[in-house]
């Protein structure tokens, strides 16, 4: 079982920035594709960004493209989500997910609140 732990959430004004972090302890972290999802109150969980195990390829939801950047440091078992130009509609609980083959692991989430 892989335990993912997110951190870095908080309250920020519109236009501000936050950096989320996710640590995934274990020797096989560098074989996992890592992604960020978010879930706003009353809404379905939605995809935000993905980075492949090698770090060479990233994918973003249209709603965050150009504002968010996903990155990883395999030596530290960390994945990051740099969020710039935040908007009130980015308010959600953000979840980290690690996937290897058909198996996925989730963190408990970190709250991001953007005030207008």
C-alpha atoms as a PDB file:
ATOM      1  CA  UNK A   1       0.000   0.000   0.000  1.00  0.00           C
ATOM      2  CA  UNK A   2       1.360   3.414  -0.999  1.00  0.00           C
ATOM      3  CA  UNK A   3       0.457   6.325   1.249  1.00  0.00           C
ATOM      4  CA  UNK A   4       0.323   9.653  -0.531  1.00  0.00           C
ATOM      5  CA  UNK A   5       0.343  12.825   1.557  1.00  0.00           C
ATOM      6  CA  UNK A   6      -0.512  16.238   0.134  1.00  0.00           C
ATOM      7  CA  UNK A   7       0.402  19.593   1.640  1.00  0.00           C
ATOM      8  CA  UNK A   8       0.595  23.259   0.711  1.00  0.00           C
ATOM      9  CA  UNK A   9      -3.065  24.173   0.513  1.00  0.00           C
ATOM     10  CA  UNK A  10      -4.484  27.298   2.070  1.00  0.00           C
ATOM     11  CA  UNK A  11      -6.342  30.538   1.561  1.00  0.00           C
ATOM     12  CA  UNK A  12      -5.142  32.929  -1.123  1.00  0.00           C
ATOM     13  CA  UNK A  13      -6.551  35.950  -2.913  1.00  0.00           C
ATOM     14  CA  UNK A  14      -7.472  35.822  -6.574  1.00  0.00           C
ATOM     15  CA  UNK A  15      -4.379  36.337  -8.706  1.00  0.00           C
ATOM     16  CA  UNK A  16      -2.137  34.775  -6.100  1.00  0.00           C
ATOM     17  CA  UNK A  17      -0.064  31.597  -6.145  1.00  0.00           C
ATOM     18  CA  UNK A  18       0.283  28.387  -4.192  1.00  0.00           C
ATOM     19  CA  UNK A  19       2.489  25.353  -4.545  1.00  0.00           C
ATOM     20  CA  UNK A  20       1.088  21.987  -3.584  1.00  0.00           C
ATOM     21  CA  UNK A  21       3.338  19.087  -2.693  1.00  0.00           C
ATOM     22  CA  UNK A  22       2.708  15.369  -2.561  1.00  0.00           C
ATOM     23  CA  UNK A  23       5.075  12.848  -1.050  1.00  0.00           C
ATOM     24  CA  UNK A  24       4.830   9.170  -1.953  1.00  0.00           C
ATOM     25  CA  UNK A  25       7.158   7.110   0.226  1.00  0.00           C
ATOM     26  CA  UNK A  26       8.536   3.960  -1.338  1.00  0.00           C
ATOM     27  CA  UNK A  27      11.271   2.748  -3.580  1.00  0.00           C
ATOM     28  CA  UNK A  28       8.997   2.443  -6.625  1.00  0.00           C
ATOM     29  CA  UNK A  29       7.833   6.075  -6.795  1.00  0.00           C
ATOM     30  CA  UNK A  30       9.795   6.706  -9.972  1.00  0.00           C
ATOM     31  CA  UNK A  31       7.724   4.056 -11.765  1.00  0.00           C
ATOM     32  CA  UNK A  32       4.405   5.788 -11.013  1.00  0.00           C
ATOM     33  CA  UNK A  33       2.587   8.219 -13.226  1.00  0.00           C
ATOM     34  CA  UNK A  34       1.466  11.029 -10.940  1.00  0.00           C
ATOM     35  CA  UNK A  35      -1.545  13.290 -11.261  1.00  0.00           C
ATOM     36  CA  UNK A  36      -3.473  15.998  -9.462  1.00  0.00           C
ATOM     37  CA  UNK A  37      -7.246  16.042  -9.270  1.00  0.00           C
ATOM     38  CA  UNK A  38      -9.612  18.418  -7.523  1.00  0.00           C
ATOM     39  CA  UNK A  39     -13.119  18.343  -6.167  1.00  0.00           C
ATOM     40  CA  UNK A  40     -15.206  21.416  -5.489  1.00  0.00           C
ATOM     41  CA  UNK A  41     -18.237  21.284  -3.156  1.00  0.00           C
ATOM     42  CA  UNK A  42     -21.164  19.590  -4.856  1.00  0.00           C
ATOM     43  CA  UNK A  43     -19.133  18.679  -7.928  1.00  0.00           C
ATOM     44  CA  UNK A  44     -17.455  15.598  -9.322  1.00  0.00           C
ATOM     45  CA  UNK A  45     -13.738  15.071  -8.865  1.00  0.00           C
ATOM     46  CA  UNK A  46     -11.966  16.365 -11.951  1.00  0.00           C
ATOM     47  CA  UNK A  47      -8.582  15.917 -13.548  1.00  0.00           C
ATOM     48  CA  UNK A  48      -6.100  18.793 -13.236  1.00  0.00           C
ATOM     49  CA  UNK A  49      -2.666  17.651 -14.397  1.00  0.00           C
ATOM     50  CA  UNK A  50      -0.591  14.541 -15.114  1.00  0.00           C
ATOM     51  CA  UNK A  51       3.118  13.838 -15.283  1.00  0.00           C
ATOM     52  CA  UNK A  52       4.515  10.543 -16.522  1.00  0.00           C
ATOM     53  CA  UNK A  53       6.948   8.476 -14.479  1.00  0.00           C
ATOM     54  CA  UNK A  54       9.951   9.808 -16.373  1.00  0.00           C
ATOM     55  CA  UNK A  55       8.870  13.428 -15.990  1.00  0.00           C
ATOM     56  CA  UNK A  56       9.184  13.892 -19.731  1.00  0.00           C
ATOM     57  CA  UNK A  57       5.516  14.375 -20.548  1.00  0.00           C
ATOM     58  CA  UNK A  58       2.786  16.440 -18.923  1.00  0.00           C
ATOM     59  CA  UNK A  59      -0.907  16.959 -19.604  1.00  0.00           C
ATOM     60  CA  UNK A  60      -3.231  19.652 -18.259  1.00  0.00           C
ATOM     61  CA  UNK A  61      -6.928  20.322 -18.079  1.00  0.00           C
ATOM     62  CA  UNK A  62      -7.909  23.206 -20.329  1.00  0.00           C
ATOM     63  CA  UNK A  63      -9.118  25.173 -17.320  1.00  0.00           C
ATOM     64  CA  UNK A  64      -5.614  25.344 -15.809  1.00  0.00           C
ATOM     65  CA  UNK A  65      -3.407  25.302 -18.885  1.00  0.00           C
ATOM     66  CA  UNK A  66      -0.914  28.154 -18.810  1.00  0.00           C
ATOM     67  CA  UNK A  67      -1.485  28.806 -15.097  1.00  0.00           C
ATOM     68  CA  UNK A  68      -0.552  25.528 -13.387  1.00  0.00           C
ATOM     69  CA  UNK A  69       2.653  23.523 -13.693  1.00  0.00           C
ATOM     70  CA  UNK A  70       3.133  19.940 -12.549  1.00  0.00           C
ATOM     71  CA  UNK A  71       6.618  18.666 -11.797  1.00  0.00           C
ATOM     72  CA  UNK A  72       8.304  15.848  -9.919  1.00  0.00           C
ATOM     73  CA  UNK A  73      11.525  15.058  -8.139  1.00  0.00           C
ATOM     74  CA  UNK A  74      12.020  11.303  -8.199  1.00  0.00           C
ATOM     75  CA  UNK A  75      15.044  11.521  -5.910  1.00  0.00           C
ATOM     76  CA  UNK A  76      12.777  12.975  -3.210  1.00  0.00           C
ATOM     77  CA  UNK A  77       9.626  10.979  -4.068  1.00  0.00           C
ATOM     78  CA  UNK A  78       7.823  14.280  -4.533  1.00  0.00           C
ATOM     79  CA  UNK A  79       5.363  15.699  -7.035  1.00  0.00           C
ATOM     80  CA  UNK A  80       4.412  19.366  -7.110  1.00  0.00           C
ATOM     81  CA  UNK A  81       1.671  21.548  -8.509  1.00  0.00           C
ATOM     82  CA  UNK A  82       2.620  25.192  -8.942  1.00  0.00           C
ATOM     83  CA  UNK A  83      -0.571  27.219  -9.229  1.00  0.00           C
ATOM     84  CA  UNK A  84      -0.371  30.795 -10.477  1.00  0.00           C
ATOM     85  CA  UNK A  85      -3.017  33.379 -11.340  1.00  0.00           C
ATOM     86  CA  UNK A  86      -5.479  31.590  -9.105  1.00  0.00           C
ATOM     87  CA  UNK A  87      -9.187  32.195  -9.595  1.00  0.00           C
ATOM     88  CA  UNK A  88     -12.123  31.706  -7.202  1.00  0.00           C
ATOM     89  CA  UNK A  89     -13.254  28.793  -9.390  1.00  0.00           C
ATOM     90  CA  UNK A  90     -10.003  26.981  -8.503  1.00  0.00           C
ATOM     91  CA  UNK A  91     -11.352  26.567  -4.962  1.00  0.00           C
ATOM     92  CA  UNK A  92     -11.471  22.839  -4.222  1.00  0.00           C
ATOM     93  CA  UNK A  93      -9.877  19.988  -2.344  1.00  0.00           C
ATOM     94  CA  UNK A  94      -6.840  18.929  -4.349  1.00  0.00           C
ATOM     95  CA  UNK A  95      -5.856  15.269  -4.437  1.00  0.00           C
ATOM     96  CA  UNK A  96      -2.655  13.580  -5.502  1.00  0.00           C
ATOM     97  CA  UNK A  97      -2.895  10.234  -7.323  1.00  0.00           C
ATOM     98  CA  UNK A  98      -0.187   7.742  -8.163  1.00  0.00           C
ATOM     99  CA  UNK A  99      -0.806   5.093 -10.803  1.00  0.00           C
ATOM    100  CA  UNK A 100       1.170   1.993 -11.721  1.00  0.00           C
ATOM    101  CA  UNK A 101      -0.464  -0.200 -14.308  1.00  0.00           C
ATOM    102  CA  UNK A 102      -4.093  -0.581 -13.278  1.00  0.00           C
ATOM    103  CA  UNK A 103      -3.504   0.290  -9.607  1.00  0.00           C
ATOM    104  CA  UNK A 104      -4.010   3.803  -8.277  1.00  0.00           C
ATOM    105  CA  UNK A 105      -3.357   5.323  -4.874  1.00  0.00           C
ATOM    106  CA  UNK A 106      -4.827   8.555  -3.539  1.00  0.00           C
ATOM    107  CA  UNK A 107      -3.905  11.025  -0.867  1.00  0.00           C
ATOM    108  CA  UNK A 108      -6.324  12.516   1.622  1.00  0.00           C
ATOM    109  CA  UNK A 109      -6.451  15.893  -0.122  1.00  0.00           C
ATOM    110  CA  UNK A 110      -5.523  19.464   0.730  1.00  0.00           C
ATOM    111  CA  UNK A 111      -7.935  22.397   0.692  1.00  0.00           C
ATOM    112  CA  UNK A 112      -7.307  25.343  -1.618  1.00  0.00           C
ATOM    113  CA  UNK A 113      -9.542  28.379  -1.187  1.00  0.00           C
ATOM    114  CA  UNK A 114      -9.282  31.381  -3.499  1.00  0.00           C
ATOM    115  CA  UNK A 115     -11.060  34.517  -2.376  1.00  0.00           C
ATOM    116  CA  UNK A 116     -12.303  37.143  -4.797  1.00  0.00           C
END
